[in-house]
Amino acid sequence: MTATSGSDHVPGPERRMLLQACVNGARDAVGHPWLSADASVVADDAARAVAAGAHEVHVHPKDATGRDSLAADDVARWVRAMRSASPGVPVGVTTGAGAEPDVERRLAAIETWTELPDHASVNWHEAGADEVAALLLKRGVAVEAGLWDAAGFEVWKRSPVRGECLRVLIELPDEPTDTLRDHAEGMIAHVELEEPDLPILLHGEEGSTWPGSTSRSSSAWRRASGWKTPCCSPTVRRHRATLRSCGRLWRGYGESDRPATCAAASWGDVR
């Protein structure tokens, strides 16, 4: 992507930077001794992230074996645990194909949810994205549009629910810093051409997390409204100082130079 529209965009005073903590992610809980299938354990870590400065929580509900799940009982247990540990903090969940590859079964699972999250991410490079997003909106769940690449952007661009999304979630791959910056700025420019008023959440992953979140000079960073950081449970325990530092970095922006998009940082995925 090479579009460069909006490079001089200055965020309006009505927007604020958003820090969203991703407290587990798609990894199976059995993949690392510090990952947990216990919702209350992960909710406690989410509360630590909130205390360190996060404004929202994104979680992947797990079943009893520690695998991603969209089943109503699992979603309800995890959403309730997050809300109990962090009252008043918006909670989002995944709807990714990793939890349920079959589109019809994915839709059927969402239809049975009893404890609705505040929002849910929908990956537009996956089959059934329009249908999943439409069902979530019908049920009163806000939609984060997950854009991983140019192909996903093109599908989202033609989506009938594009303008109804809460925000766009731009995934930042694990790339060298210069490549990452070009990727982010190109994606942001394309989104701004289609939906100039829609907040953008930058989602770092692995090596892309800190280059994005610490580069104030980056045009992409200045134009984003927030940063989404996946921090798996063990990462929160090991890097609480890092969480606090990110919170201080966030608060360090003056109202005039905070990004207009929303960024989520995914730091410290467990290897």
C-alpha atoms as a PDB file:
ATOM      1  CA  MET A   1       0.000   0.000   0.000  1.00  0.00           C
ATOM      2  CA  THR A   2       1.358   3.361  -0.965  1.00  0.00           C
ATOM      3  CA  ALA A   3      -1.420   5.895  -0.337  1.00  0.00           C
ATOM      4  CA  THR A   4      -0.184   8.794   1.797  1.00  0.00           C
ATOM      5  CA  SER A   5      -3.308  10.889   2.333  1.00  0.00           C
ATOM      6  CA  GLY A   6      -3.563  12.682   5.672  1.00  0.00           C
ATOM      7  CA  SER A   7       0.119  12.822   6.578  1.00  0.00           C
ATOM      8  CA  ASP A   8      -0.401  16.256   8.150  1.00  0.00           C
ATOM      9  CA  HIS A   9      -3.516  15.234  10.046  1.00  0.00           C
ATOM     10  CA  VAL A  10      -3.684  16.728  13.541  1.00  0.00           C
ATOM     11  CA  PRO A  11      -5.962  15.005  16.045  1.00  0.00           C
ATOM     12  CA  GLY A  12      -8.919  16.990  17.290  1.00  0.00           C
ATOM     13  CA  PRO A  13      -9.169  17.877  20.979  1.00  0.00           C
ATOM     14  CA  GLU A  14     -12.201  15.618  21.386  1.00  0.00           C
ATOM     15  CA  ARG A  15     -10.094  12.491  20.862  1.00  0.00           C
ATOM     16  CA  ARG A  16      -8.009  10.836  23.528  1.00  0.00           C
ATOM     17  CA  MET A  17      -5.381   8.168  23.355  1.00  0.00           C
ATOM     18  CA  LEU A  18      -6.597   4.695  24.207  1.00  0.00           C
ATOM     19  CA  LEU A  19      -4.453   1.930  25.668  1.00  0.00           C
ATOM     20  CA  GLN A  20      -6.014  -1.519  25.348  1.00  0.00           C
ATOM     21  CA  ALA A  21      -4.425  -4.507  27.100  1.00  0.00           C
ATOM     22  CA  CYS A  22      -4.661  -7.928  25.454  1.00  0.00           C
ATOM     23  CA  VAL A  23      -4.251 -10.216  28.403  1.00  0.00           C
ATOM     24  CA  ASN A  24      -3.843 -13.641  26.825  1.00  0.00           C
ATOM     25  CA  GLY A  25      -4.193 -14.101  23.061  1.00  0.00           C
ATOM     26  CA  ALA A  26      -4.721 -17.095  20.812  1.00  0.00           C
ATOM     27  CA  ARG A  27      -2.105 -19.400  22.345  1.00  0.00           C
ATOM     28  CA  ASP A  28      -3.429 -22.522  24.032  1.00  0.00           C
ATOM     29  CA  ALA A  29      -2.979 -22.343  27.795  1.00  0.00           C
ATOM     30  CA  VAL A  30      -0.965 -25.575  27.698  1.00  0.00           C
ATOM     31  CA  GLY A  31       1.640 -23.854  25.523  1.00  0.00           C
ATOM     32  CA  HIS A  32       3.459 -22.232  28.438  1.00  0.00           C
ATOM     33  CA  PRO A  33       3.464 -22.876  32.223  1.00  0.00           C
ATOM     34  CA  TRP A  34       2.523 -19.258  32.966  1.00  0.00           C
ATOM     35  CA  LEU A  35      -0.519 -19.224  30.698  1.00  0.00           C
ATOM     36  CA  SER A  36      -3.810 -20.080  32.377  1.00  0.00           C
ATOM     37  CA  ALA A  37      -7.209 -21.467  31.445  1.00  0.00           C
ATOM     38  CA  ASP A  38      -8.554 -20.020  34.702  1.00  0.00           C
ATOM     39  CA  ALA A  39     -10.522 -16.869  33.902  1.00  0.00           C
ATOM     40  CA  SER A  40     -10.074 -15.468  37.410  1.00  0.00           C
ATOM     41  CA  VAL A  41      -6.271 -15.709  37.175  1.00  0.00           C
ATOM     42  CA  VAL A  42      -6.196 -13.859  33.852  1.00  0.00           C
ATOM     43  CA  ALA A  43      -8.742 -11.329  35.147  1.00  0.00           C
ATOM     44  CA  ASP A  44      -6.405 -10.559  38.040  1.00  0.00           C
ATOM     45  CA  ASP A  45      -3.633  -9.848  35.553  1.00  0.00           C
ATOM     46  CA  ALA A  46      -6.026  -7.669  33.537  1.00  0.00           C
ATOM     47  CA  ALA A  47      -6.735  -5.644  36.678  1.00  0.00           C
ATOM     48  CA  ARG A  48      -2.982  -5.117  37.109  1.00  0.00           C
ATOM     49  CA  ALA A  49      -2.771  -3.854  33.534  1.00  0.00           C
ATOM     50  CA  VAL A  50      -5.647  -1.444  34.209  1.00  0.00           C
ATOM     51  CA  ALA A  51      -3.965  -0.234  37.381  1.00  0.00           C
ATOM     52  CA  ALA A  52      -0.816   0.392  35.308  1.00  0.00           C
ATOM     53  CA  GLY A  53      -2.725   2.593  32.839  1.00  0.00           C
ATOM     54  CA  ALA A  54      -4.747   0.441  30.411  1.00  0.00           C
ATOM     55  CA  HIS A  55      -8.224   1.758  29.529  1.00  0.00           C
ATOM     56  CA  GLU A  56      -9.742  -1.403  28.052  1.00  0.00           C
ATOM     57  CA  VAL A  57      -9.223  -5.158  28.101  1.00  0.00           C
ATOM     58  CA  HIS A  58      -9.251  -7.582  25.169  1.00  0.00           C
ATOM     59  CA  VAL A  59      -9.424 -11.267  26.029  1.00  0.00           C
ATOM     60  CA  HIS A  60      -9.596 -14.625  24.270  1.00  0.00           C
ATOM     61  CA  PRO A  61     -12.101 -16.773  26.221  1.00  0.00           C
ATOM     62  CA  LYS A  62     -10.804 -20.311  26.746  1.00  0.00           C
ATOM     63  CA  ASP A  63     -12.517 -23.637  27.289  1.00  0.00           C
ATOM     64  CA  ALA A  64     -11.589 -26.028  30.085  1.00  0.00           C
ATOM     65  CA  THR A  65      -8.615 -27.325  28.075  1.00  0.00           C
ATOM     66  CA  GLY A  66      -7.210 -23.834  27.504  1.00  0.00           C
ATOM     67  CA  ARG A  67      -8.162 -23.475  23.833  1.00  0.00           C
ATOM     68  CA  ASP A  68      -9.894 -20.430  22.312  1.00  0.00           C
ATOM     69  CA  SER A  69     -13.662 -20.755  22.537  1.00  0.00           C
ATOM     70  CA  LEU A  70     -16.772 -18.889  21.369  1.00  0.00           C
ATOM     71  CA  ALA A  71     -19.136 -21.147  23.335  1.00  0.00           C
ATOM     72  CA  ALA A  72     -21.685 -19.162  25.339  1.00  0.00           C
ATOM     73  CA  ASP A  73     -20.670 -20.612  28.723  1.00  0.00           C
ATOM     74  CA  ASP A  74     -16.979 -19.903  28.117  1.00  0.00           C
ATOM     75  CA  VAL A  75     -17.545 -16.358  26.855  1.00  0.00           C
ATOM     76  CA  ALA A  76     -19.844 -15.606  29.791  1.00  0.00           C
ATOM     77  CA  ARG A  77     -17.363 -16.955  32.349  1.00  0.00           C
ATOM     78  CA  TRP A  78     -14.465 -14.918  30.952  1.00  0.00           C
ATOM     79  CA  VAL A  79     -16.362 -11.676  30.379  1.00  0.00           C
ATOM     80  CA  ARG A  80     -17.842 -11.814  33.896  1.00  0.00           C
ATOM     81  CA  ALA A  81     -14.418 -12.473  35.399  1.00  0.00           C
ATOM     82  CA  MET A  82     -12.920  -9.433  33.617  1.00  0.00           C
ATOM     83  CA  ARG A  83     -15.783  -7.189  34.700  1.00  0.00           C
ATOM     84  CA  SER A  84     -15.640  -8.427  38.275  1.00  0.00           C
ATOM     85  CA  ALA A  85     -11.899  -7.712  38.519  1.00  0.00           C
ATOM     86  CA  SER A  86     -12.082  -4.358  36.674  1.00  0.00           C
ATOM     87  CA  PRO A  87     -15.550  -2.813  37.175  1.00  0.00           C
ATOM     88  CA  GLY A  88     -16.508  -0.257  34.554  1.00  0.00           C
ATOM     89  CA  VAL A  89     -13.642  -1.149  32.194  1.00  0.00           C
ATOM     90  CA  PRO A  90     -14.799  -2.052  28.643  1.00  0.00           C
ATOM     91  CA  VAL A  91     -14.154  -5.702  27.777  1.00  0.00           C
ATOM     92  CA  GLY A  92     -13.684  -7.024  24.243  1.00  0.00           C
ATOM     93  CA  VAL A  93     -13.338 -10.579  22.931  1.00  0.00           C
ATOM     94  CA  THR A  94     -12.104 -12.322  19.816  1.00  0.00           C
ATOM     95  CA  THR A  95     -14.306 -13.827  17.098  1.00  0.00           C
ATOM     96  CA  GLY A  96     -11.354 -15.165  15.126  1.00  0.00           C
ATOM     97  CA  ALA A  97     -11.438 -18.278  12.986  1.00  0.00           C
ATOM     98  CA  GLY A  98      -8.871 -19.801  15.326  1.00  0.00           C
ATOM     99  CA  ALA A  99     -11.658 -20.211  17.878  1.00  0.00           C
ATOM    100  CA  GLU A 100     -14.120 -21.629  15.324  1.00  0.00           C
ATOM    101  CA  PRO A 101     -13.076 -22.062  11.667  1.00  0.00           C
ATOM    102  CA  ASP A 102     -16.579 -22.880  10.371  1.00  0.00           C
ATOM    103  CA  VAL A 103     -18.493 -19.647   9.680  1.00  0.00           C
ATOM    104  CA  GLU A 104     -21.956 -21.095  10.337  1.00  0.00           C
ATOM    105  CA  ARG A 105     -20.876 -22.588  13.654  1.00  0.00           C
ATOM    106  CA  ARG A 106     -19.185 -19.305  14.562  1.00  0.00           C
ATOM    107  CA  LEU A 107     -22.412 -17.392  13.898  1.00  0.00           C
ATOM    108  CA  ALA A 108     -24.457 -19.956  15.817  1.00  0.00           C
ATOM    109  CA  ALA A 109     -22.152 -19.631  18.823  1.00  0.00           C
ATOM    110  CA  ILE A 110     -22.383 -15.819  18.854  1.00  0.00           C
ATOM    111  CA  GLU A 111     -26.158 -16.058  18.592  1.00  0.00           C
ATOM    112  CA  THR A 112     -26.242 -17.984  21.891  1.00  0.00           C
ATOM    113  CA  TRP A 113     -24.067 -15.610  23.931  1.00  0.00           C
ATOM    114  CA  THR A 114     -25.730 -14.676  27.208  1.00  0.00           C
ATOM    115  CA  GLU A 115     -23.100 -12.312  28.639  1.00  0.00           C
ATOM    116  CA  LEU A 116     -22.363  -9.816  25.893  1.00  0.00           C
ATOM    117  CA  PRO A 117     -18.951  -8.130  25.748  1.00  0.00           C
ATOM    118  CA  ASP A 118     -18.701  -4.401  25.097  1.00  0.00           C
ATOM    119  CA  HIS A 119     -17.018  -5.040  21.760  1.00  0.00           C
ATOM    120  CA  ALA A 120     -15.523  -7.841  19.685  1.00  0.00           C
ATOM    121  CA  SER A 121     -12.785  -7.928  17.051  1.00  0.00           C
ATOM    122  CA  VAL A 122     -13.605  -9.241  13.577  1.00  0.00           C
ATOM    123  CA  ASN A 123     -10.792 -10.203  11.190  1.00  0.00           C
ATOM    124  CA  TRP A 124     -11.746  -9.014   7.730  1.00  0.00           C
ATOM    125  CA  HIS A 125      -9.276 -11.319   5.971  1.00  0.00           C
ATOM    126  CA  GLU A 126     -11.256 -14.296   7.287  1.00  0.00           C
ATOM    127  CA  ALA A 127     -14.340 -15.792   5.639  1.00  0.00           C
ATOM    128  CA  GLY A 128     -17.677 -14.590   7.014  1.00  0.00           C
ATOM    129  CA  ALA A 129     -16.443 -11.264   8.393  1.00  0.00           C
ATOM    130  CA  ASP A 130     -19.451  -9.272   7.139  1.00  0.00           C
ATOM    131  CA  GLU A 131     -21.899 -11.799   8.565  1.00  0.00           C
ATOM    132  CA  VAL A 132     -20.113 -11.988  11.929  1.00  0.00           C
ATOM    133  CA  ALA A 133     -19.951  -8.193  12.216  1.00  0.00           C
ATOM    134  CA  ALA A 134     -23.617  -7.769  11.249  1.00  0.00           C
ATOM    135  CA  LEU A 135     -24.692 -10.304  13.876  1.00  0.00           C
ATOM    136  CA  LEU A 136     -22.610  -8.644  16.586  1.00  0.00           C
ATOM    137  CA  LEU A 137     -24.118  -5.247  15.754  1.00  0.00           C
ATOM    138  CA  LYS A 138     -27.608  -6.747  15.760  1.00  0.00           C
ATOM    139  CA  ARG A 139     -26.924  -8.111  19.248  1.00  0.00           C
ATOM    140  CA  GLY A 140     -25.648  -4.742  20.489  1.00  0.00           C
ATOM    141  CA  VAL A 141     -21.939  -5.611  20.510  1.00  0.00           C
ATOM    142  CA  ALA A 142     -19.609  -2.978  19.025  1.00  0.00           C
ATOM    143  CA  VAL A 143     -17.194  -4.140  16.306  1.00  0.00           C
ATOM    144  CA  GLU A 144     -13.444  -3.618  16.007  1.00  0.00           C
ATOM    145  CA  ALA A 145     -12.493  -4.152  12.365  1.00  0.00           C
ATOM    146  CA  GLY A 146      -9.268  -6.158  12.291  1.00  0.00           C
ATOM    147  CA  LEU A 147      -7.190  -5.341   9.195  1.00  0.00           C
ATOM    148  CA  TRP A 148      -4.076  -7.446   8.755  1.00  0.00           C
ATOM    149  CA  ASP A 149      -3.168  -6.749   5.137  1.00  0.00           C
ATOM    150  CA  ALA A 150      -4.217  -5.221   1.809  1.00  0.00           C
ATOM    151  CA  ALA A 151      -6.548  -8.121   1.022  1.00  0.00           C
ATOM    152  CA  GLY A 152      -8.419  -7.681   4.310  1.00  0.00           C
ATOM    153  CA  PHE A 153      -8.619  -3.937   3.748  1.00  0.00           C
ATOM    154  CA  GLU A 154     -10.211  -4.437   0.318  1.00  0.00           C
ATOM    155  CA  VAL A 155     -12.893  -6.724   1.783  1.00  0.00           C
ATOM    156  CA  TRP A 156     -13.595  -4.259   4.613  1.00  0.00           C
ATOM    157  CA  LYS A 157     -13.686  -1.371   2.114  1.00  0.00           C
ATOM    158  CA  ARG A 158     -16.642  -3.034   0.334  1.00  0.00           C
ATOM    159  CA  SER A 159     -18.387  -4.099   3.543  1.00  0.00           C
ATOM    160  CA  PRO A 160     -21.933  -2.823   4.105  1.00  0.00           C
ATOM    161  CA  VAL A 161     -21.185  -2.460   7.827  1.00  0.00           C
ATOM    162  CA  ARG A 162     -17.864  -0.638   7.384  1.00  0.00           C
ATOM    163  CA  GLY A 163     -19.149   2.681   8.700  1.00  0.00           C
ATOM    164  CA  GLU A 164     -20.826   1.062  11.712  1.00  0.00           C
ATOM    165  CA  CYS A 165     -17.577  -0.191  13.234  1.00  0.00           C
ATOM    166  CA  LEU A 166     -16.433   1.186  16.578  1.00  0.00           C
ATOM    167  CA  ARG A 167     -12.868   1.493  15.307  1.00  0.00           C
ATOM    168  CA  VAL A 168     -10.349  -0.048  12.936  1.00  0.00           C
ATOM    169  CA  LEU A 169      -7.734  -2.376  14.404  1.00  0.00           C
ATOM    170  CA  ILE A 170      -4.559  -2.331  12.286  1.00  0.00           C
ATOM    171  CA  GLU A 171      -2.360  -5.332  12.954  1.00  0.00           C
ATOM    172  CA  LEU A 172       1.365  -4.560  12.916  1.00  0.00           C
ATOM    173  CA  PRO A 173       3.410  -7.619  11.871  1.00  0.00           C
ATOM    174  CA  ASP A 174       6.740  -8.532  13.419  1.00  0.00           C
ATOM    175  CA  GLU A 175       8.885  -6.564  10.950  1.00  0.00           C
ATOM    176  CA  PRO A 176      11.974  -4.316  11.041  1.00  0.00           C
ATOM    177  CA  THR A 177      11.166  -0.832  12.341  1.00  0.00           C
ATOM    178  CA  ASP A 178      11.404   0.978   8.995  1.00  0.00           C
ATOM    179  CA  THR A 179       9.240  -1.615   7.240  1.00  0.00           C
ATOM    180  CA  LEU A 180       6.797  -1.535  10.130  1.00  0.00           C
ATOM    181  CA  ARG A 181       6.474   2.258   9.958  1.00  0.00           C
ATOM    182  CA  ASP A 182       5.772   2.170   6.219  1.00  0.00           C
ATOM    183  CA  HIS A 183       3.225  -0.601   6.710  1.00  0.00           C
ATOM    184  CA  ALA A 184       1.396   1.282   9.454  1.00  0.00           C
ATOM    185  CA  GLU A 185       1.380   4.615   7.650  1.00  0.00           C
ATOM    186  CA  GLY A 186       0.162   3.005   4.418  1.00  0.00           C
ATOM    187  CA  MET A 187      -2.689   1.194   6.154  1.00  0.00           C
ATOM    188  CA  ILE A 188      -3.705   4.288   8.114  1.00  0.00           C
ATOM    189  CA  ALA A 189      -3.730   6.400   4.942  1.00  0.00           C
ATOM    190  CA  HIS A 190      -6.023   3.934   3.174  1.00  0.00           C
ATOM    191  CA  VAL A 191      -8.414   3.748   6.128  1.00  0.00           C
ATOM    192  CA  GLU A 192      -8.509   7.548   6.426  1.00  0.00           C
ATOM    193  CA  LEU A 193      -9.430   7.840   2.748  1.00  0.00           C
ATOM    194  CA  GLU A 194     -12.469   5.609   3.303  1.00  0.00           C
ATOM    195  CA  GLU A 195     -13.526   6.540   6.854  1.00  0.00           C
ATOM    196  CA  PRO A 196     -11.652   9.701   7.952  1.00  0.00           C
ATOM    197  CA  ASP A 197     -13.498   9.960  11.278  1.00  0.00           C
ATOM    198  CA  LEU A 198     -13.157   6.327  12.345  1.00  0.00           C
ATOM    199  CA  PRO A 199     -10.651   5.813  15.199  1.00  0.00           C
ATOM    200  CA  ILE A 200      -7.700   3.549  14.445  1.00  0.00           C
ATOM    201  CA  LEU A 201      -6.193   1.124  16.940  1.00  0.00           C
ATOM    202  CA  LEU A 202      -2.609   0.005  16.267  1.00  0.00           C
ATOM    203  CA  HIS A 203      -1.893  -3.525  17.419  1.00  0.00           C
ATOM    204  CA  GLY A 204       1.752  -4.383  17.936  1.00  0.00           C
ATOM    205  CA  GLU A 205       2.970  -7.959  18.117  1.00  0.00           C
ATOM    206  CA  GLU A 206       6.287  -9.526  19.101  1.00  0.00           C
ATOM    207  CA  GLY A 207       9.052  -7.259  17.749  1.00  0.00           C
ATOM    208  CA  SER A 208       6.594  -4.667  16.411  1.00  0.00           C
ATOM    209  CA  THR A 209       5.249  -3.688  19.818  1.00  0.00           C
ATOM    210  CA  TRP A 210       7.821  -1.296  21.215  1.00  0.00           C
ATOM    211  CA  PRO A 211       9.107   0.332  17.998  1.00  0.00           C
ATOM    212  CA  GLY A 212       5.564   1.526  17.379  1.00  0.00           C
ATOM    213  CA  SER A 213       4.687   2.566  20.898  1.00  0.00           C
ATOM    214  CA  THR A 214       7.878   4.464  21.647  1.00  0.00           C
ATOM    215  CA  SER A 215       8.381   6.379  18.389  1.00  0.00           C
ATOM    216  CA  ARG A 216       6.691   9.731  18.954  1.00  0.00           C
ATOM    217  CA  SER A 217       8.152  11.075  15.730  1.00  0.00           C
ATOM    218  CA  SER A 218       6.323   8.504  13.638  1.00  0.00           C
ATOM    219  CA  SER A 219       3.504   9.926  11.528  1.00  0.00           C
ATOM    220  CA  ALA A 220       1.552   6.715  12.092  1.00  0.00           C
ATOM    221  CA  TRP A 221       1.862   7.039  15.860  1.00  0.00           C
ATOM    222  CA  ARG A 222       0.767  10.693  15.847  1.00  0.00           C
ATOM    223  CA  ARG A 223      -2.246   9.882  13.710  1.00  0.00           C
ATOM    224  CA  ALA A 224      -3.416   6.923  15.762  1.00  0.00           C
ATOM    225  CA  SER A 225      -5.897   7.249  18.623  1.00  0.00           C
ATOM    226  CA  GLY A 226      -4.582   4.373  20.608  1.00  0.00           C
ATOM    227  CA  TRP A 227      -2.269   1.454  21.140  1.00  0.00           C
ATOM    228  CA  LYS A 228      -3.328  -2.126  21.794  1.00  0.00           C
ATOM    229  CA  THR A 229      -0.863  -4.275  23.627  1.00  0.00           C
ATOM    230  CA  PRO A 230      -1.268  -8.026  23.851  1.00  0.00           C
ATOM    231  CA  CYS A 231       0.240  -8.944  27.173  1.00  0.00           C
ATOM    232  CA  CYS A 232      -0.168 -12.595  28.066  1.00  0.00           C
ATOM    233  CA  SER A 233      -0.691 -13.370  31.738  1.00  0.00           C
ATOM    234  CA  PRO A 234       2.960 -14.265  32.423  1.00  0.00           C
ATOM    235  CA  THR A 235       4.079 -11.133  30.639  1.00  0.00           C
ATOM    236  CA  VAL A 236       2.021  -8.929  32.901  1.00  0.00           C
ATOM    237  CA  ARG A 237       3.627 -10.521  35.930  1.00  0.00           C
ATOM    238  CA  ARG A 238       7.157 -10.199  34.587  1.00  0.00           C
ATOM    239  CA  HIS A 239       6.812  -6.745  33.046  1.00  0.00           C
ATOM    240  CA  ARG A 240       4.633  -4.651  35.346  1.00  0.00           C
ATOM    241  CA  ALA A 241       7.333  -1.971  35.240  1.00  0.00           C
ATOM    242  CA  THR A 242       6.996  -1.975  31.464  1.00  0.00           C
ATOM    243  CA  LEU A 243       3.236  -1.560  31.775  1.00  0.00           C
ATOM    244  CA  ARG A 244       3.747   1.389  34.114  1.00  0.00           C
ATOM    245  CA  SER A 245       6.273   2.909  31.716  1.00  0.00           C
ATOM    246  CA  CYS A 246       3.808   2.614  28.846  1.00  0.00           C
ATOM    247  CA  GLY A 247       1.177   4.296  30.989  1.00  0.00           C
ATOM    248  CA  ARG A 248       3.562   7.148  31.740  1.00  0.00           C
ATOM    249  CA  LEU A 249       4.436   7.431  28.043  1.00  0.00           C
ATOM    250  CA  TRP A 250       0.728   7.604  27.246  1.00  0.00           C
ATOM    251  CA  ARG A 251       0.050  10.314  29.818  1.00  0.00           C
ATOM    252  CA  GLY A 252       3.132  12.200  28.638  1.00  0.00           C
ATOM    253  CA  TYR A 253       1.444  13.286  25.417  1.00  0.00           C
ATOM    254  CA  GLY A 254      -0.026  16.757  25.539  1.00  0.00           C
ATOM    255  CA  GLU A 255      -3.618  17.149  24.363  1.00  0.00           C
ATOM    256  CA  SER A 256      -2.373  18.754  21.136  1.00  0.00           C
ATOM    257  CA  ASP A 257      -0.035  15.960  20.063  1.00  0.00           C
ATOM    258  CA  ARG A 258      -1.824  12.799  21.126  1.00  0.00           C
ATOM    259  CA  PRO A 259      -2.525  10.525  18.192  1.00  0.00           C
ATOM    260  CA  ALA A 260      -5.998  10.666  16.670  1.00  0.00           C
ATOM    261  CA  THR A 261      -6.220   6.947  16.243  1.00  0.00           C
ATOM    262  CA  CYS A 262      -6.484   4.255  18.824  1.00  0.00           C
ATOM    263  CA  ALA A 263      -3.502   2.077  19.514  1.00  0.00           C
ATOM    264  CA  ALA A 264      -3.300  -1.274  21.136  1.00  0.00           C
ATOM    265  CA  ALA A 265       0.056  -2.701  22.047  1.00  0.00           C
ATOM    266  CA  SER A 266       0.641  -6.417  22.066  1.00  0.00           C
ATOM    267  CA  TRP A 267       3.805  -6.625  24.061  1.00  0.00           C
ATOM    268  CA  GLY A 268       5.562  -9.673  25.365  1.00  0.00           C
ATOM    269  CA  ASP A 269       3.970 -12.642  23.676  1.00  0.00           C
ATOM    270  CA  VAL A 270       5.305 -15.710  25.452  1.00  0.00           C
ATOM    271  CA  ARG A 271       7.676 -17.890  23.515  1.00  0.00           C
END
